[in-house]
Protein backbone atom coordinates (compact mmCIF):
# COMPACT_ATOMS: atom_id res chain seq x y z
CA MET A 1 239.76 83.53 109.37
CA SER A 2 236.54 81.66 109.94
CA THR A 3 233.34 82.34 108.07
CA THR A 4 229.88 81.76 109.44
CA ARG A 5 227.56 79.90 107.16
CA PRO A 6 223.89 80.72 107.31
CA SER A 7 221.71 78.07 108.84
CA SER A 8 219.86 75.91 106.35
CA ALA A 9 216.70 76.41 108.37
CA THR A 10 216.76 80.17 107.74
CA PRO A 11 215.04 81.11 104.46
CA PRO A 12 217.10 83.33 102.14
CA ALA A 13 216.25 86.98 102.09
CA SER A 14 214.58 88.43 99.05
CA ALA A 15 215.89 91.30 97.05
CA GLY A 16 214.04 93.75 99.22
CA GLY A 17 215.42 92.31 102.38
CA VAL A 18 212.16 90.67 103.35
CA ALA A 19 212.01 86.91 103.73
CA PRO A 20 209.34 85.23 101.54
CA SER A 21 206.36 83.89 103.38
CA ARG A 22 205.72 80.16 103.46
CA PRO A 23 202.93 78.87 101.20
CA ALA A 24 199.73 78.37 103.12
CA LYS A 25 198.61 74.78 103.54
CA ALA A 26 195.57 73.84 101.45
CA LYS A 27 192.51 73.47 103.58
CA LYS A 28 190.76 70.16 103.39
CA VAL A 29 187.33 70.46 101.88
CA LYS A 30 184.77 68.46 103.72
CA HIS A 31 182.28 66.60 101.58
CA TYR A 32 178.84 66.43 103.01
CA SER A 33 176.39 63.76 101.88
CA LEU A 34 172.66 63.81 102.25
CA LEU A 35 172.70 60.04 102.67
CA THR A 36 173.31 58.55 106.06
CA ARG A 37 175.21 55.34 106.61
CA ARG A 38 171.93 53.52 106.90
CA ASP A 39 170.75 54.97 103.57
CA ARG A 40 173.95 53.87 101.81
CA LEU A 41 173.60 50.38 103.29
CA THR A 42 170.00 50.22 102.06
CA LEU A 43 171.05 51.25 98.54
CA TRP A 44 173.81 48.65 98.49
CA LEU A 45 171.35 45.97 99.55
CA MET A 46 168.74 47.08 97.01
CA ALA A 47 171.29 46.95 94.19
CA GLY A 48 173.36 44.04 95.44
CA ILE A 49 170.65 41.49 96.23
CA PRO A 50 168.97 41.63 92.76
CA THR A 51 172.40 41.53 91.10
CA PHE A 52 173.34 38.48 93.13
CA LEU A 53 170.05 36.76 92.30
CA VAL A 54 170.50 37.43 88.58
CA LEU A 55 174.06 36.13 88.67
CA PHE A 56 173.15 33.06 90.73
CA PHE A 57 169.88 32.03 89.09
CA ILE A 58 170.30 33.25 85.48
CA ILE A 59 173.89 33.95 84.46
CA THR A 60 175.50 31.01 86.28
CA PRO A 61 173.01 28.37 85.01
CA THR A 62 173.29 29.79 81.49
CA VAL A 63 177.08 29.56 81.47
CA ALA A 64 176.91 26.09 83.05
CA SER A 65 174.44 24.92 80.38
CA ILE A 66 176.70 26.14 77.60
CA ILE A 67 179.67 24.30 79.11
CA LEU A 68 177.67 21.12 79.78
CA SER A 69 176.34 21.09 76.21
CA PHE A 70 179.81 19.99 75.09
CA THR A 71 179.93 17.12 77.58
CA SER A 72 178.35 13.76 78.32
CA TRP A 73 177.06 13.45 81.88
CA SER A 74 174.21 11.51 83.41
CA GLY A 75 174.16 13.57 86.61
CA ILE A 76 175.17 10.56 88.68
CA GLY A 77 178.42 10.87 90.59
CA GLY A 78 180.69 13.84 90.99
CA LEU A 79 182.00 16.33 88.49
CA ASP A 80 184.81 13.93 87.65
CA LYS A 81 182.26 11.83 85.76
CA ILE A 82 181.76 14.61 83.19
CA LYS A 83 183.27 13.67 79.84
CA PHE A 84 184.07 16.24 77.18
CA ILE A 85 182.73 15.15 73.77
CA GLY A 86 182.90 18.36 71.74
CA LEU A 87 180.09 19.01 69.24
CA LYS A 88 178.68 15.49 69.32
CA ASN A 89 175.53 16.56 71.19
CA TYR A 90 174.77 19.17 68.54
CA THR A 91 175.45 16.85 65.60
CA ASP A 92 173.24 14.16 67.15
CA LEU A 93 170.57 16.75 67.85
CA PHE A 94 170.35 17.93 64.24
CA THR A 95 170.80 14.54 62.59
CA ILE A 96 169.58 11.50 64.54
CA TYR A 97 167.36 12.87 67.33
CA LYS A 98 163.90 12.36 65.84
CA PRO A 99 161.78 14.54 68.22
CA PHE A 100 163.88 17.66 67.52
CA TRP A 101 162.49 18.75 64.15
CA PRO A 102 158.84 18.01 65.09
CA ALA A 103 159.42 20.15 68.19
CA VAL A 104 160.79 22.99 66.03
CA GLN A 105 157.77 22.66 63.75
CA HIS A 106 155.39 22.78 66.73
CA ASN A 107 157.08 25.92 68.08
CA VAL A 108 156.69 27.56 64.66
CA ILE A 109 153.01 26.56 64.58
CA TRP A 110 152.66 27.99 68.09
CA LEU A 111 154.12 31.31 66.89
CA VAL A 112 151.93 31.46 63.77
CA PHE A 113 148.83 30.63 65.82
CA PHE A 114 149.61 33.46 68.23
CA LEU A 115 150.26 35.92 65.41
CA VAL A 116 147.14 34.95 63.46
CA LEU A 117 144.64 34.45 66.29
CA ALA A 118 145.72 35.78 69.70
CA THR A 119 147.36 39.04 68.64
CA PRO A 120 144.60 40.32 66.28
CA LEU A 121 141.90 39.27 68.76
CA GLY A 122 143.68 41.07 71.60
CA MET A 123 144.02 44.16 69.45
CA PHE A 124 140.33 44.02 68.50
CA LEU A 125 139.26 43.78 72.15
CA ALA A 126 141.55 46.68 73.04
CA VAL A 127 139.95 48.86 70.35
CA LEU A 128 136.47 48.02 71.67
CA LEU A 129 137.41 48.74 75.29
CA ASP A 130 139.10 52.00 74.28
CA LYS A 131 135.66 53.34 73.34
CA ASN A 132 134.78 53.49 77.07
CA ILE A 133 131.67 51.38 76.69
CA ARG A 134 129.57 50.59 79.74
CA GLY A 135 131.26 48.05 81.99
CA THR A 136 134.74 48.63 80.51
CA ARG A 137 136.49 47.97 83.84
CA PHE A 138 134.63 44.71 84.31
CA TYR A 139 135.48 43.51 80.80
CA GLN A 140 139.13 44.44 81.25
CA GLY A 141 139.35 42.43 84.46
CA ALA A 142 137.45 39.46 83.03
CA LEU A 143 139.56 39.29 79.86
CA TYR A 144 142.83 39.70 81.77
CA MET A 145 141.90 37.10 84.39
CA PRO A 146 143.35 34.10 82.47
CA VAL A 147 146.79 35.73 82.60
CA VAL A 148 146.87 35.71 86.41
CA LEU A 149 145.18 32.35 86.99
CA SER A 150 147.32 29.49 88.26
CA LEU A 151 148.12 26.58 85.99
CA ALA A 152 146.13 24.22 88.19
CA ILE A 153 142.95 26.24 87.67
CA ILE A 154 143.62 26.61 83.95
CA GLY A 155 144.15 22.88 83.60
CA PHE A 156 140.96 22.17 85.51
CA ILE A 157 138.94 24.59 83.35
CA TRP A 158 140.13 23.11 80.07
CA GLU A 159 139.74 19.58 81.39
CA LEU A 160 136.05 20.37 81.85
CA ILE A 161 135.97 21.54 78.24
CA TYR A 162 138.06 18.82 76.57
CA ALA A 163 137.16 15.72 78.62
CA PRO A 164 136.05 12.91 76.24
CA ASP A 165 133.11 11.65 78.29
CA TYR A 166 131.76 14.67 80.17
CA GLY A 167 133.52 17.63 78.50
CA LEU A 168 131.60 20.67 77.33
CA LEU A 169 132.86 20.45 73.76
CA ASN A 170 131.93 16.80 73.23
CA THR A 171 128.59 17.40 74.93
CA ILE A 172 127.77 20.18 72.47
CA LEU A 173 128.85 17.99 69.55
CA GLY A 174 126.97 14.97 70.88
CA ARG A 175 130.14 12.83 71.05
CA THR A 176 130.08 11.68 74.69
CA GLU A 177 129.08 8.07 74.09
CA GLN A 178 131.70 5.34 74.25
CA GLY A 179 133.22 4.72 70.85
CA ASN A 180 131.97 8.05 69.56
CA GLN A 181 134.13 10.33 71.69
CA ILE A 182 136.77 12.76 70.46
CA SER A 183 139.97 12.67 72.47
CA TRP A 184 140.97 16.31 72.13
CA LEU A 185 144.11 15.95 74.22
CA GLY A 186 145.00 12.35 73.39
CA ASP A 187 144.83 12.41 69.61
CA PRO A 188 148.23 13.61 68.26
CA ARG A 189 146.54 14.98 65.16
CA ILE A 190 144.49 17.57 67.04
CA ASN A 191 145.89 17.89 70.58
CA LEU A 192 148.40 20.59 69.60
CA PHE A 193 145.63 22.85 68.29
CA ALA A 194 143.49 22.11 71.34
CA ILE A 195 146.35 23.27 73.56
CA LEU A 196 146.92 26.29 71.34
CA VAL A 197 143.33 27.42 71.91
CA ALA A 198 143.93 27.27 75.66
CA ALA A 199 147.26 29.09 75.32
CA SER A 200 145.67 31.78 73.14
CA TRP A 201 142.98 32.21 75.80
CA ARG A 202 145.77 33.40 78.10
CA GLN A 203 147.69 35.36 75.47
CA VAL A 204 144.71 37.44 74.32
CA GLY A 205 144.37 39.20 77.66
CA TYR A 206 148.07 40.05 77.74
CA VAL A 207 148.06 41.51 74.22
CA MET A 208 144.83 43.38 74.97
CA VAL A 209 146.38 45.20 77.93
CA LEU A 210 149.46 46.20 75.92
CA TYR A 211 147.43 47.61 73.03
CA LEU A 212 144.98 49.29 75.38
CA ALA A 213 147.88 51.15 77.00
CA GLY A 214 149.14 52.11 73.55
CA LEU A 215 145.74 53.41 72.45
CA LYS A 216 145.46 55.56 75.56
CA ALA A 217 148.78 57.19 74.67
CA VAL A 218 147.74 58.17 71.12
CA ASP A 219 147.20 61.90 70.69
CA PRO A 220 143.43 62.53 70.29
CA SER A 221 144.13 65.37 67.86
CA LEU A 222 145.31 62.81 65.28
CA ARG A 223 141.89 61.15 65.24
CA GLU A 224 140.15 64.50 65.13
CA ALA A 225 142.26 65.57 62.14
CA ALA A 226 141.51 62.30 60.35
CA ALA A 227 137.79 62.71 61.02
CA ILE A 228 137.87 66.25 59.63
CA ASP A 229 139.55 64.93 56.47
CA GLY A 230 136.64 62.53 56.05
CA ALA A 231 138.38 59.28 57.06
CA SER A 232 136.18 56.52 58.38
CA GLU A 233 136.81 54.91 61.76
CA ARG A 234 138.45 51.92 60.15
CA GLN A 235 140.67 54.09 57.94
CA THR A 236 141.63 56.20 60.94
CA PHE A 237 142.77 53.18 62.89
CA PHE A 238 144.80 51.44 60.17
CA ARG A 239 146.28 54.56 58.54
CA VAL A 240 146.75 56.85 61.54
CA VAL A 241 146.49 55.11 64.91
CA PHE A 242 148.15 51.79 64.09
CA PRO A 243 151.32 53.34 62.55
CA VAL A 244 151.64 55.65 65.57
CA MET A 245 151.64 52.60 67.86
CA ARG A 246 154.75 51.24 66.18
CA PRO A 247 156.69 50.88 69.48
CA ILE A 248 153.81 48.87 70.96
CA ASN A 249 153.66 46.73 67.83
CA ILE A 250 157.35 45.88 68.16
CA VAL A 251 156.94 45.04 71.86
CA VAL A 252 153.96 42.79 71.13
CA LEU A 253 155.86 41.06 68.30
CA VAL A 254 158.90 40.40 70.49
CA ILE A 255 156.77 39.15 73.39
CA THR A 256 154.79 36.89 71.06
CA VAL A 257 157.96 35.33 69.67
CA ILE A 258 159.38 34.79 73.14
CA GLU A 259 156.13 33.32 74.45
CA SER A 260 155.97 30.88 71.55
CA LEU A 261 159.54 29.76 72.25
CA ARG A 262 159.11 29.39 76.00
CA ALA A 263 155.79 27.54 75.68
CA PHE A 264 155.96 24.69 78.16
CA ASP A 265 153.40 24.54 80.93
CA LEU A 266 150.20 23.48 79.17
CA ALA A 267 151.95 20.99 76.89
CA PHE A 268 153.89 19.41 79.76
CA ILE A 269 150.88 19.22 82.08
CA THR A 270 148.76 17.54 79.39
CA ASN A 271 151.02 14.58 78.54
CA LYS A 272 154.57 15.66 79.47
CA GLY A 273 155.17 17.07 76.02
CA LEU A 274 154.80 13.76 74.18
CA ASN A 275 152.39 12.22 71.69
CA GLY A 276 152.16 15.19 69.34
CA LEU A 277 152.97 17.96 71.85
CA GLU A 278 156.75 17.97 71.52
CA LEU A 279 158.25 21.42 72.08
CA LEU A 280 161.86 22.52 72.51
CA SER A 281 161.23 23.37 76.14
CA THR A 282 159.68 19.98 76.90
CA LEU A 283 162.57 18.21 75.19
CA VAL A 284 164.97 20.00 77.52
CA THR A 285 163.02 18.88 80.58
CA ASN A 286 162.52 15.31 79.40
CA ASN A 287 166.24 14.85 78.66
CA ILE A 288 167.57 16.47 81.83
CA ILE A 289 165.18 15.24 84.50
CA GLY A 290 163.56 12.36 82.62
CA GLU A 291 164.43 8.68 82.75
CA THR A 292 167.34 9.10 80.33
CA SER A 293 168.98 11.84 82.43
CA ARG A 294 171.17 13.11 79.60
CA ILE A 295 172.19 16.42 81.08
CA GLY A 296 174.72 17.26 78.38
CA PHE A 297 172.30 16.54 75.55
CA GLY A 298 169.48 18.42 77.26
CA SER A 299 171.82 21.37 77.78
CA ALA A 300 172.55 21.40 74.04
CA ILE A 301 168.82 21.72 73.32
CA ALA A 302 168.61 24.50 75.91
CA VAL A 303 171.47 26.37 74.24
CA VAL A 304 169.73 26.13 70.85
CA LEU A 305 166.55 27.47 72.44
CA LEU A 306 168.54 30.25 74.10
CA VAL A 307 170.18 31.32 70.83
CA VAL A 308 166.83 31.42 69.04
CA ALA A 309 165.18 33.35 71.88
CA VAL A 310 167.97 35.93 72.19
CA GLY A 311 167.46 37.01 68.56
CA PRO A 312 164.15 38.87 69.12
CA ILE A 313 165.53 40.45 72.29
CA ILE A 314 168.58 41.81 70.46
CA PHE A 315 166.33 43.05 67.64
CA TYR A 316 164.15 44.92 70.12
CA LEU A 317 167.10 46.46 71.98
CA VAL A 318 168.74 47.60 68.76
CA ARG A 319 165.52 49.22 67.56
CA ALA A 320 164.94 50.89 70.93
CA LEU A 321 168.48 52.29 71.12
CA ARG A 322 168.34 53.48 67.51
CA GLU A 323 165.06 55.31 68.09
CA GLU A 324 166.41 56.82 71.30
CA ASN A 325 169.49 58.17 69.50
CA GLU A 326 167.37 59.61 66.71
């Protein structure tokens, strides 16, 4: 007797005699975007091009400098001429390279000069301009002008001031005659301070703009409350306004440190960073592209400068993130 097996394609009947229905297929949800293909391409280009430029012009040279600082290479020939020498460049730099420590000293003097002269003067000018005196816009533009001037114009201006025979300074002092002249840029005992005056001339306008923006952001009610309590204008600034501008103070401090470390242009234009104007930045240039062409040794100086410069940046970022979390 043969039995008929049910087909495997037929679903089994339920207890009530009704076959269960098949589960409905999930409908695909369409995602709609407000951005067109052209918009997405534009965003990729806007984010990709700056990222590529940072990687190519900043990250890659930095990594290459760190690697080259452990090598000896004159730049002549291919990469096969590079010789790994370990920490020899750093030991020579700290022990037998005579211009290194004078350059460090000059960078420290540059920083102190900025902190003592340029920063307080910029703050003072910002306080005066915050009073909305007549011609405030004109004074702001005139004082900020040195920041945007080209180095060629700045060099020409200070050449007219410091020239030994026809310069303004020697003319005022009556020292323009031969044998009685003062070589402001040639004398290694005074040329650093002469350059610092020119550098501070640029720095003052930058600091002034930063503090002026900070003063505009201070709540006026704080000054009114201090005035009601009988505080003088000077007491109001140093005990109320200045502490409130703490974020601006930190920014100015970090920028001042970085500017003193990256000081290069005026010293190099004057006498290529020699004869009393040695700076860490000029030592890097003179060793890499100078007559010696010691790329590995110059890279070691650049790494030292990088490590010192990164410190203030990390300090600022840590403070900013801590204040944001609080």
